[in-house]
């Protein structure tokens, strides 16, 4: 199917899959998902809002994009998130990579893949839903 504006169509599809507003900037689509993170370390607990940054670069009709995510996770959330990601019906592509930065009481997970953005978004949305994100 040929559409009049494939980038806007892609942005709408990503908005629906990730259940969040998207911003189109040239050949880049940006998505920010906000969540509250509660860190309990000993007696005090800290609650703050953090963004999950998701970008889709080199958006072109029917082509793979460079998909990136930066997400903060609690140590207890990491296994559940990765399990949902890995066990999704849509398998991870061969070029998928991630890097984990561990700080006290919180992990920062950086993920990247080169694949169709819809595949990436659907898989990521399922992993985020596993955390009630």
N, C-alpha and C. Protein backbone atom coordinates (compact mmCIF):
# COMPACT_ATOMS: atom_id res chain seq x y z
N UNK A 1 0.84 -1.17 0.00
CA UNK A 1 0.00 0.00 0.00
C UNK A 1 0.89 1.24 0.00
N UNK A 2 0.62 2.16 -0.87
CA UNK A 2 1.35 3.41 -0.95
C UNK A 2 0.56 4.46 -0.17
N UNK A 3 1.25 5.14 0.73
CA UNK A 3 0.58 6.17 1.53
C UNK A 3 1.16 7.53 1.18
N UNK A 4 0.38 8.56 1.48
CA UNK A 4 0.78 9.92 1.16
C UNK A 4 1.95 10.38 2.04
N UNK A 5 1.96 9.96 3.28
CA UNK A 5 3.01 10.39 4.19
C UNK A 5 3.43 9.22 5.08
N UNK A 6 4.38 8.41 4.61
CA UNK A 6 4.76 7.22 5.38
C UNK A 6 5.35 7.51 6.75
N UNK A 7 6.02 8.66 6.93
CA UNK A 7 6.59 8.98 8.24
C UNK A 7 5.48 9.25 9.24
N UNK A 8 4.46 9.99 8.85
CA UNK A 8 3.34 10.23 9.75
C UNK A 8 2.58 8.95 10.05
N UNK A 9 2.44 8.09 9.05
CA UNK A 9 1.79 6.80 9.26
C UNK A 9 2.58 5.96 10.26
N UNK A 10 3.91 5.99 10.13
CA UNK A 10 4.77 5.25 11.06
C UNK A 10 4.65 5.83 12.46
N UNK A 11 4.62 7.14 12.57
CA UNK A 11 4.49 7.79 13.87
C UNK A 11 3.18 7.38 14.55
N UNK A 12 2.10 7.32 13.79
CA UNK A 12 0.81 6.90 14.35
C UNK A 12 0.86 5.45 14.83
N UNK A 13 1.48 4.58 14.05
CA UNK A 13 1.61 3.18 14.43
C UNK A 13 2.42 3.05 15.72
N UNK A 14 3.52 3.81 15.84
CA UNK A 14 4.35 3.77 17.04
C UNK A 14 3.61 4.33 18.24
N UNK A 15 2.84 5.38 18.04
CA UNK A 15 2.02 5.96 19.11
C UNK A 15 1.05 4.92 19.64
N UNK A 16 0.40 4.19 18.75
CA UNK A 16 -0.55 3.17 19.17
C UNK A 16 0.13 2.00 19.87
N UNK A 17 1.26 1.54 19.34
CA UNK A 17 1.96 0.39 19.92
C UNK A 17 2.52 0.71 21.30
N UNK A 18 3.11 1.90 21.45
CA UNK A 18 3.78 2.26 22.70
C UNK A 18 2.87 3.04 23.66
N UNK A 19 1.66 3.38 23.19
CA UNK A 19 0.68 4.10 24.01
C UNK A 19 1.26 5.38 24.60
N UNK A 20 1.90 6.15 23.73
CA UNK A 20 2.53 7.40 24.15
C UNK A 20 2.62 8.34 22.95
N UNK A 21 2.65 9.63 23.24
CA UNK A 21 2.81 10.61 22.17
C UNK A 21 4.19 10.49 21.54
N UNK A 22 4.27 10.80 20.26
CA UNK A 22 5.54 10.75 19.54
C UNK A 22 5.84 12.12 18.95
N UNK A 23 7.12 12.38 18.74
CA UNK A 23 7.56 13.62 18.11
C UNK A 23 8.36 13.24 16.87
N UNK A 24 8.00 13.82 15.73
CA UNK A 24 8.72 13.58 14.48
C UNK A 24 9.64 14.77 14.25
N UNK A 25 10.93 14.50 14.07
CA UNK A 25 11.92 15.54 13.79
C UNK A 25 12.78 15.07 12.62
N UNK A 26 12.38 15.45 11.43
CA UNK A 26 13.12 15.00 10.24
C UNK A 26 12.95 13.51 10.05
N UNK A 27 14.06 12.79 10.03
CA UNK A 27 13.99 11.33 9.87
C UNK A 27 14.13 10.61 11.21
N UNK A 28 13.75 11.29 12.28
CA UNK A 28 13.85 10.75 13.64
C UNK A 28 12.48 10.81 14.31
N UNK A 29 12.10 9.73 14.96
CA UNK A 29 10.88 9.72 15.78
C UNK A 29 11.30 9.50 17.22
N UNK A 30 10.82 10.35 18.11
CA UNK A 30 11.16 10.30 19.54
C UNK A 30 9.91 9.95 20.35
N UNK A 31 10.08 9.08 21.33
CA UNK A 31 9.00 8.71 22.24
C UNK A 31 9.57 8.77 23.64
N UNK A 32 8.83 9.41 24.55
CA UNK A 32 9.22 9.45 25.96
C UNK A 32 8.07 8.86 26.76
N UNK A 33 8.37 7.81 27.50
CA UNK A 33 7.39 7.22 28.41
C UNK A 33 7.82 7.57 29.83
N UNK A 34 6.90 8.14 30.58
CA UNK A 34 7.19 8.57 31.94
C UNK A 34 6.68 7.52 32.93
N UNK A 35 7.48 7.26 33.95
CA UNK A 35 7.05 6.33 34.99
C UNK A 35 7.56 6.80 36.33
N UNK A 36 6.92 6.34 37.38
CA UNK A 36 7.39 6.63 38.73
C UNK A 36 8.22 5.45 39.19
N UNK A 37 9.37 5.76 39.72
CA UNK A 37 10.30 4.74 40.21
C UNK A 37 10.46 4.95 41.70
N UNK A 38 10.28 3.89 42.47
CA UNK A 38 10.44 3.96 43.93
C UNK A 38 11.62 3.08 44.32
N UNK A 39 12.60 3.71 44.93
CA UNK A 39 13.80 3.00 45.37
C UNK A 39 13.75 2.92 46.89
N UNK A 40 13.79 1.70 47.37
CA UNK A 40 13.78 1.47 48.82
C UNK A 40 15.17 0.97 49.21
N UNK A 41 15.89 1.81 49.90
CA UNK A 41 17.23 1.46 50.34
C UNK A 41 17.29 1.67 51.84
N UNK A 42 17.12 0.60 52.57
CA UNK A 42 17.09 0.73 54.02
C UNK A 42 15.78 1.36 54.45
N UNK A 43 15.84 2.25 55.43
CA UNK A 43 14.63 2.88 55.97
C UNK A 43 14.03 3.91 55.02
N UNK A 44 14.84 4.82 54.47
CA UNK A 44 14.21 5.81 53.58
C UNK A 44 13.90 5.21 52.21
N UNK A 45 12.87 5.74 51.59
CA UNK A 45 12.59 5.36 50.20
C UNK A 45 12.52 6.64 49.38
N UNK A 46 12.89 6.52 48.12
CA UNK A 46 12.91 7.66 47.23
C UNK A 46 11.96 7.38 46.08
N UNK A 47 11.13 8.34 45.77
CA UNK A 47 10.19 8.21 44.67
C UNK A 47 10.42 9.38 43.71
N UNK A 48 10.59 9.05 42.44
CA UNK A 48 10.79 10.11 41.45
C UNK A 48 10.30 9.64 40.10
N UNK A 49 10.04 10.56 39.22
CA UNK A 49 9.58 10.25 37.88
C UNK A 49 10.77 10.24 36.93
N UNK A 50 10.80 9.23 36.06
CA UNK A 50 11.90 9.10 35.10
C UNK A 50 11.32 8.84 33.71
N UNK A 51 12.07 9.25 32.71
CA UNK A 51 11.70 9.01 31.32
C UNK A 51 12.34 7.73 30.82
N UNK A 52 11.62 7.05 29.97
CA UNK A 52 12.19 5.99 29.15
C UNK A 52 12.28 6.60 27.76
N UNK A 53 13.49 6.80 27.27
CA UNK A 53 13.70 7.44 25.97
C UNK A 53 13.79 6.38 24.88
N UNK A 54 12.95 6.54 23.86
CA UNK A 54 12.90 5.61 22.74
C UNK A 54 13.06 6.42 21.46
N UNK A 55 14.01 6.03 20.60
CA UNK A 55 14.20 6.75 19.34
C UNK A 55 14.23 5.75 18.19
N UNK A 56 13.73 6.23 17.08
CA UNK A 56 13.73 5.50 15.81
C UNK A 56 14.40 6.41 14.80
N UNK A 57 15.60 6.04 14.32
CA UNK A 57 16.37 6.88 13.41
C UNK A 57 16.31 6.32 12.00
N UNK A 58 16.46 7.23 11.04
CA UNK A 58 16.47 6.87 9.61
C UNK A 58 15.14 6.25 9.19
N UNK A 59 14.07 6.94 9.54
CA UNK A 59 12.73 6.47 9.18
C UNK A 59 12.54 6.61 7.67
N UNK A 60 12.32 5.50 7.02
CA UNK A 60 12.00 5.47 5.60
C UNK A 60 10.93 4.42 5.41
N UNK A 61 10.12 4.60 4.42
CA UNK A 61 9.02 3.67 4.19
C UNK A 61 9.54 2.25 3.93
N UNK A 62 9.05 1.30 4.74
CA UNK A 62 9.33 -0.13 4.57
C UNK A 62 10.81 -0.50 4.69
N UNK A 63 11.57 0.25 5.49
CA UNK A 63 12.98 -0.08 5.69
C UNK A 63 13.29 -0.20 7.18
N UNK A 64 14.34 -0.90 7.49
CA UNK A 64 14.78 -1.03 8.88
C UNK A 64 15.26 0.33 9.39
N UNK A 65 15.08 0.55 10.68
CA UNK A 65 15.54 1.77 11.33
C UNK A 65 16.54 1.41 12.42
N UNK A 66 17.22 2.41 12.92
CA UNK A 66 18.08 2.24 14.08
C UNK A 66 17.21 2.58 15.29
N UNK A 67 16.93 1.58 16.09
CA UNK A 67 16.01 1.72 17.22
C UNK A 67 16.82 1.70 18.52
N UNK A 68 16.60 2.70 19.35
CA UNK A 68 17.33 2.81 20.62
C UNK A 68 16.37 3.03 21.77
N UNK A 69 16.73 2.46 22.92
CA UNK A 69 15.96 2.66 24.15
C UNK A 69 16.94 2.86 25.30
N UNK A 70 16.59 3.77 26.18
CA UNK A 70 17.30 3.96 27.43
C UNK A 70 16.26 3.91 28.53
N UNK A 71 16.38 2.93 29.44
CA UNK A 71 15.36 2.75 30.47
C UNK A 71 16.02 2.45 31.81
N UNK A 72 15.47 3.06 32.87
CA UNK A 72 15.93 2.77 34.23
C UNK A 72 15.04 1.67 34.80
N UNK A 73 15.66 0.67 35.39
CA UNK A 73 14.94 -0.46 35.97
C UNK A 73 15.46 -0.73 37.38
N UNK A 74 14.56 -1.19 38.23
CA UNK A 74 14.99 -1.69 39.53
C UNK A 74 15.62 -3.06 39.33
N UNK A 75 16.54 -3.47 40.19
CA UNK A 75 17.14 -4.79 40.04
C UNK A 75 16.10 -5.92 39.98
N UNK A 76 15.02 -5.79 40.72
CA UNK A 76 13.97 -6.83 40.70
C UNK A 76 13.20 -6.84 39.38
N UNK A 77 13.22 -5.75 38.62
CA UNK A 77 12.49 -5.68 37.35
C UNK A 77 13.28 -6.22 36.17
N UNK A 78 14.59 -6.21 36.26
CA UNK A 78 15.43 -6.58 35.13
C UNK A 78 15.13 -7.99 34.60
N UNK A 79 15.08 -9.03 35.44
CA UNK A 79 14.81 -10.36 34.89
C UNK A 79 13.44 -10.46 34.19
N UNK A 80 12.45 -9.85 34.78
CA UNK A 80 11.10 -9.89 34.20
C UNK A 80 11.07 -9.16 32.85
N UNK A 81 11.70 -8.01 32.78
CA UNK A 81 11.74 -7.23 31.54
C UNK A 81 12.46 -8.00 30.44
N UNK A 82 13.66 -8.51 30.76
CA UNK A 82 14.45 -9.23 29.75
C UNK A 82 13.76 -10.52 29.33
N UNK A 83 13.12 -11.20 30.25
CA UNK A 83 12.40 -12.43 29.91
C UNK A 83 11.27 -12.14 28.92
N UNK A 84 10.50 -11.09 29.18
CA UNK A 84 9.42 -10.73 28.27
C UNK A 84 9.97 -10.32 26.91
N UNK A 85 11.08 -9.64 26.90
CA UNK A 85 11.70 -9.21 25.65
C UNK A 85 12.21 -10.40 24.84
N UNK A 86 12.93 -11.29 25.50
CA UNK A 86 13.54 -12.44 24.82
C UNK A 86 12.50 -13.47 24.38
N UNK A 87 11.47 -13.68 25.19
CA UNK A 87 10.49 -14.72 24.91
C UNK A 87 9.32 -14.24 24.06
N UNK A 88 9.37 -13.03 23.58
CA UNK A 88 8.30 -12.50 22.73
C UNK A 88 8.20 -13.33 21.46
N UNK A 89 7.00 -13.43 20.91
CA UNK A 89 6.78 -14.21 19.67
C UNK A 89 7.63 -13.68 18.52
N UNK A 90 7.90 -12.39 18.51
CA UNK A 90 8.75 -11.77 17.50
C UNK A 90 10.18 -11.79 18.02
N UNK A 91 11.04 -12.70 17.53
CA UNK A 91 12.39 -12.84 18.11
C UNK A 91 13.27 -11.61 17.90
N UNK A 92 14.24 -11.47 18.79
CA UNK A 92 15.22 -10.39 18.65
C UNK A 92 16.04 -10.60 17.38
N UNK A 93 16.36 -9.52 16.67
CA UNK A 93 17.18 -9.66 15.46
C UNK A 93 18.63 -9.98 15.82
N UNK A 94 19.37 -10.46 14.85
CA UNK A 94 20.78 -10.80 15.06
C UNK A 94 21.62 -9.59 15.46
N UNK A 95 21.21 -8.40 15.05
CA UNK A 95 22.00 -7.21 15.33
C UNK A 95 21.60 -6.52 16.63
N UNK A 96 20.73 -7.13 17.41
CA UNK A 96 20.32 -6.57 18.70
C UNK A 96 21.52 -6.53 19.66
N UNK A 97 21.62 -5.45 20.40
CA UNK A 97 22.65 -5.37 21.44
C UNK A 97 22.11 -4.56 22.61
N UNK A 98 22.66 -4.80 23.77
CA UNK A 98 22.32 -3.97 24.92
C UNK A 98 23.52 -3.85 25.84
N UNK A 99 23.46 -2.82 26.63
CA UNK A 99 24.51 -2.53 27.60
C UNK A 99 23.81 -2.18 28.90
N UNK A 100 24.30 -2.73 29.98
CA UNK A 100 23.69 -2.51 31.29
C UNK A 100 24.68 -1.77 32.18
N UNK A 101 24.24 -0.65 32.73
CA UNK A 101 25.05 0.12 33.68
C UNK A 101 24.38 -0.04 35.04
N UNK A 102 25.12 -0.58 36.00
CA UNK A 102 24.56 -0.86 37.31
C UNK A 102 25.02 0.20 38.31
N UNK A 103 24.05 0.80 38.92
CA UNK A 103 24.30 1.72 40.03
C UNK A 103 23.61 1.11 41.25
N UNK A 104 23.88 1.67 42.40
CA UNK A 104 23.23 1.14 43.59
C UNK A 104 21.72 1.32 43.47
N UNK A 105 21.00 0.24 43.57
CA UNK A 105 19.53 0.21 43.59
C UNK A 105 18.83 0.50 42.27
N UNK A 106 19.57 0.75 41.20
CA UNK A 106 18.93 1.00 39.91
C UNK A 106 19.87 0.61 38.76
N UNK A 107 19.28 0.10 37.70
CA UNK A 107 20.04 -0.26 36.50
C UNK A 107 19.59 0.61 35.34
N UNK A 108 20.53 0.98 34.51
CA UNK A 108 20.20 1.69 33.27
C UNK A 108 20.51 0.74 32.12
N UNK A 109 19.47 0.41 31.36
CA UNK A 109 19.59 -0.52 30.24
C UNK A 109 19.51 0.27 28.94
N UNK A 110 20.55 0.15 28.13
CA UNK A 110 20.60 0.76 26.80
C UNK A 110 20.43 -0.36 25.78
N UNK A 111 19.47 -0.24 24.88
CA UNK A 111 19.22 -1.26 23.88
C UNK A 111 19.27 -0.64 22.49
N UNK A 112 19.73 -1.44 21.51
CA UNK A 112 19.76 -0.98 20.12
C UNK A 112 19.52 -2.17 19.19
N UNK A 113 18.77 -1.89 18.13
CA UNK A 113 18.58 -2.89 17.08
C UNK A 113 18.37 -2.16 15.75
N UNK A 114 18.55 -2.90 14.68
CA UNK A 114 18.25 -2.41 13.34
C UNK A 114 17.24 -3.38 12.75
N UNK A 115 16.00 -2.91 12.70
CA UNK A 115 14.90 -3.72 12.22
C UNK A 115 13.72 -2.80 11.90
N UNK A 116 12.65 -3.37 11.40
CA UNK A 116 11.46 -2.57 11.16
C UNK A 116 10.97 -2.00 12.48
N UNK A 117 10.64 -0.71 12.52
CA UNK A 117 10.25 -0.09 13.79
C UNK A 117 9.02 -0.72 14.42
N UNK A 118 8.08 -1.21 13.59
CA UNK A 118 6.89 -1.83 14.18
C UNK A 118 7.24 -3.07 14.97
N UNK A 119 8.19 -3.87 14.48
CA UNK A 119 8.59 -5.07 15.20
C UNK A 119 9.22 -4.72 16.54
N UNK A 120 10.11 -3.74 16.50
CA UNK A 120 10.79 -3.29 17.71
C UNK A 120 9.78 -2.75 18.72
N UNK A 121 8.85 -1.91 18.27
CA UNK A 121 7.88 -1.26 19.16
C UNK A 121 6.95 -2.27 19.81
N UNK A 122 6.48 -3.24 19.06
CA UNK A 122 5.56 -4.25 19.61
C UNK A 122 6.25 -5.09 20.67
N UNK A 123 7.48 -5.51 20.40
CA UNK A 123 8.26 -6.31 21.36
C UNK A 123 8.55 -5.49 22.62
N UNK A 124 8.98 -4.24 22.44
CA UNK A 124 9.28 -3.38 23.57
C UNK A 124 8.03 -3.10 24.40
N UNK A 125 6.91 -2.85 23.74
CA UNK A 125 5.66 -2.58 24.46
C UNK A 125 5.27 -3.77 25.33
N UNK A 126 5.45 -4.99 24.82
CA UNK A 126 5.13 -6.18 25.60
C UNK A 126 6.03 -6.29 26.83
N UNK A 127 7.32 -5.98 26.68
CA UNK A 127 8.25 -6.03 27.83
C UNK A 127 7.91 -4.96 28.85
N UNK A 128 7.52 -3.78 28.38
CA UNK A 128 7.13 -2.70 29.31
C UNK A 128 5.83 -3.06 30.03
N UNK A 129 4.89 -3.67 29.34
CA UNK A 129 3.62 -4.07 29.97
C UNK A 129 3.86 -5.15 31.03
N UNK A 130 4.88 -5.98 30.85
CA UNK A 130 5.21 -6.98 31.86
C UNK A 130 5.57 -6.32 33.19
N UNK A 131 6.00 -5.06 33.13
CA UNK A 131 6.35 -4.29 34.33
C UNK A 131 5.23 -3.34 34.74
N UNK A 132 4.08 -3.41 34.07
CA UNK A 132 2.97 -2.47 34.28
C UNK A 132 3.43 -1.03 34.04
N UNK A 133 4.25 -0.84 33.07
CA UNK A 133 4.84 0.46 32.71
C UNK A 133 3.88 1.16 31.78
